[in-house]
Structure formats: structure tokens, C-alpha cells
Protein backbone atom coordinates (compact mmCIF):
# COMPACT_ATOMS: atom_id res chain seq x y z
CA MET A 1 117.97 53.10 83.35
CA ASN A 2 115.91 52.45 80.02
CA THR A 3 116.85 53.71 76.69
CA ILE A 4 114.32 57.14 76.78
CA ASN A 5 115.88 57.92 80.28
CA ALA A 6 119.34 57.95 78.64
CA LEU A 7 118.40 60.13 75.81
CA TYR A 8 117.64 62.64 78.02
CA ASP A 9 120.85 63.81 78.67
CA GLN A 10 122.33 62.82 75.49
CA ASP A 11 119.80 64.76 73.03
CA TYR A 12 117.37 66.82 74.87
CA PHE A 13 115.44 67.71 71.37
CA LEU A 14 115.45 63.65 70.42
CA TRP A 15 113.98 63.05 73.88
CA LEU A 16 111.51 65.60 73.64
CA GLN A 17 110.32 64.11 70.22
CA GLU A 18 110.35 60.31 71.47
CA THR A 19 108.49 61.75 74.58
CA TYR A 20 105.70 63.19 72.69
CA ARG A 21 105.52 60.12 70.11
CA MET A 22 104.94 58.01 73.32
CA LEU A 23 102.47 60.34 74.55
CA GLU A 24 100.60 60.46 71.27
CA SER A 25 100.63 56.53 70.84
CA ASN A 26 99.63 56.24 74.57
CA LYS A 27 102.67 54.19 75.16
CA ILE A 28 102.40 55.61 79.10
CA GLU A 29 104.36 52.93 80.64
CA GLN A 30 107.49 53.85 78.70
CA LEU A 31 107.68 57.39 79.53
CA ASP A 32 110.52 58.96 81.27
CA LEU A 33 108.04 60.09 84.16
CA GLU A 34 110.97 61.45 86.43
CA HIS A 35 112.01 64.07 83.52
CA LEU A 36 108.95 64.78 82.29
CA LYS A 37 107.64 65.73 85.79
CA GLU A 38 110.67 67.87 86.05
CA GLU A 39 110.02 69.60 82.82
CA ILE A 40 106.19 70.16 83.29
CA LEU A 41 107.08 71.87 86.61
CA GLY A 42 110.07 73.70 84.89
CA LEU A 43 107.57 75.07 81.83
CA GLY A 44 105.19 76.49 84.65
CA ASP A 45 108.59 78.11 86.40
CA GLU A 46 109.39 79.59 82.88
CA GLN A 47 105.91 80.78 82.25
CA ARG A 48 106.33 82.93 85.50
CA ARG A 49 109.60 84.16 85.19
CA LYS A 50 108.29 85.63 81.98
CA VAL A 51 105.68 87.34 83.46
CA ASP A 52 107.98 88.74 86.07
CA SER A 53 110.04 90.06 83.44
CA TYR A 54 107.60 91.50 81.34
CA LEU A 55 105.90 93.31 84.44
CA ARG A 56 109.18 94.66 85.49
CA GLN A 57 110.29 96.32 82.03
CA LEU A 58 106.66 97.53 82.01
CA LEU A 59 107.09 99.32 85.69
CA ILE A 60 110.17 100.75 84.79
CA ASN A 61 109.37 102.31 81.58
CA LEU A 62 106.11 103.93 83.37
CA LEU A 63 108.34 105.05 86.07
CA LEU A 64 110.54 106.98 83.79
CA TYR A 65 107.86 107.96 81.75
CA GLN A 66 106.21 109.54 84.54
CA TYR A 67 109.10 111.23 86.40
CA TRP A 68 112.04 111.43 84.36
CA ASP A 69 110.68 114.57 82.83
CA SER A 70 114.12 115.98 81.63
CA GLU A 71 114.38 112.98 79.30
CA LYS A 72 110.67 112.67 78.31
CA ASN A 73 110.71 114.74 75.17
CA LEU A 74 113.71 112.90 74.16
CA CYS A 75 112.83 109.39 75.45
CA GLY A 76 109.13 109.56 75.69
CA LYS A 77 108.19 107.99 72.21
CA GLY A 78 110.44 105.15 73.10
CA TRP A 79 109.23 104.60 76.46
CA GLN A 80 105.86 104.52 74.85
CA ASN A 81 106.94 102.05 72.25
CA GLU A 82 108.19 99.85 75.15
CA ILE A 83 105.32 100.18 77.19
CA ASP A 84 103.08 98.77 74.40
CA ASN A 85 105.09 95.93 73.49
CA PHE A 86 105.48 95.07 77.22
CA ARG A 87 101.92 95.23 77.90
CA PHE A 88 101.31 93.30 74.75
CA GLU A 89 103.75 90.33 75.92
CA LEU A 90 101.92 90.50 79.29
CA GLU A 91 98.40 90.32 77.50
CA LEU A 92 99.37 86.72 75.97
CA LEU A 93 100.04 85.29 78.91
CA LEU A 94 97.87 86.57 81.23
CA LYS A 95 95.14 84.84 79.19
CA SER A 96 96.02 82.07 81.67
CA LYS A 97 93.89 82.67 84.52
CA THR A 98 96.43 81.23 86.77
CA LEU A 99 99.11 83.30 85.50
CA TYR A 100 96.60 86.35 85.74
CA ASN A 101 96.39 85.88 89.46
CA TYR A 102 100.27 85.27 89.63
CA PHE A 103 100.64 88.73 87.68
CA LEU A 104 98.26 90.38 90.45
CA GLN A 105 99.81 88.80 93.28
CA GLU A 106 103.60 89.72 92.42
CA ILE A 107 102.75 93.20 91.29
CA GLU A 108 104.45 94.91 94.61
CA GLU A 109 107.04 92.73 94.55
CA ILE A 110 107.88 93.04 91.25
CA TYR A 111 107.23 97.26 91.79
CA ILE A 112 110.11 97.36 94.28
CA LYS A 113 112.49 95.74 91.84
CA ALA A 114 111.51 98.12 88.98
CA ARG A 115 111.68 101.56 91.28
CA ARG A 116 115.32 100.54 92.11
CA GLN A 117 115.90 99.89 88.38
CA ALA A 118 114.46 103.32 87.53
CA ILE A 119 116.15 105.01 90.32
CA LYS A 120 119.43 103.72 89.22
CA LYS A 121 119.34 104.33 85.48
CA SER A 122 117.52 108.01 86.18
CA GLU A 123 119.72 108.98 88.74
CA LEU A 124 116.73 110.78 89.89
CA PRO A 125 116.12 111.02 94.04
CA ALA A 126 114.84 108.01 95.69
CA ASN A 127 111.86 110.08 97.52
CA LEU A 128 110.64 111.17 93.99
CA PHE A 129 109.17 107.55 93.37
CA PRO A 130 106.32 106.20 95.63
CA LYS A 131 107.58 103.33 97.68
CA SER A 132 104.22 101.44 96.70
CA CYS A 133 102.99 100.59 93.24
CA PRO A 134 101.18 103.86 92.15
CA PHE A 135 99.72 101.97 89.34
CA SER A 136 96.66 99.70 89.64
CA ALA A 137 96.33 96.32 87.56
CA GLU A 138 93.82 97.61 85.43
CA ALA A 139 95.86 100.60 84.44
CA LEU A 140 99.19 98.47 83.78
CA LEU A 141 97.41 96.34 81.35
CA ASP A 142 94.87 99.16 79.62
CA PRO A 143 96.61 100.08 76.29
CA GLU A 144 95.04 103.58 76.50
CA PHE A 145 96.94 104.29 80.05
CA LEU A 146 100.10 106.40 80.15
CA PRO A 147 100.82 108.17 83.36
CA ASP A 148 101.20 111.98 83.56
């Protein structure tokens, strides 16, 4: 095992700096390719997890805003702020066409989890919430859209 490989376990930040230096100097043969490949895949996974998380939170807040009438006067503005924040974060991530396509593909699966959390938080009857996502992808990302 060469020095750069050992550095990965000993000092991750220094490993990143050294890896960048090698790439910048075009010293490809000295790279720790095994760990570099892991890190690149990890970056993609992290970006998808962020899309999942922001989408889930956006959906929860949209559902609460639409269906939890008894709390709307008290919490409505807070839900609107959260909706805006999660849309903003998604907008940044979804500049990537790959992540946008991932977002489109995951809406229904993430909706099921968001619906479950909205039911638990609101303690409203489950049948009040649609079983499939009532919001289009366009509505989810539209900064002017709020459900009735």
C-alpha cells in the first residue's frame, strides 16, 4: 500500500488535498484510485439523499398546509417558509439534469414516506391524505404554488 492509500484512513482531509494536488499536477499514476472511485460514487449518493430529504420535507409541509385546517392559522406562515426553503434547496440541486430526472422518478416513493409522517404529526385520519401524490412535479417546484 502506498503512502496516499494509508493517508486515507489516517487523515481524510489531507488525503483530499493530496489527491487534488496529484490531479492538478496530472500525476494520475500516484492516485489512490480505489478510494477515489469510492468517494466519487459517495458524492452521487449524497446528492440523491439530499434530493430525497428536501423533497420529503417539501411534501410534508405541503400536506400539512393543505389538510391540517385546525392548525393552519397558527402554523400556516411557518409551513410556507419551510416550503420556500425546501424548494430553494431543490432548485439548486435540480440544476443537474441527472438529479432532476432522479427527482421525477422518486416523487411517488418519497410521497408515501411524507404522507406517513404528515399523518403521524397531524394525527389526522389517514384517509384524508391521498394515497398517491396530488402535486405535479411542476407544482412542487413552482414558487407561487400553495395547495388550497
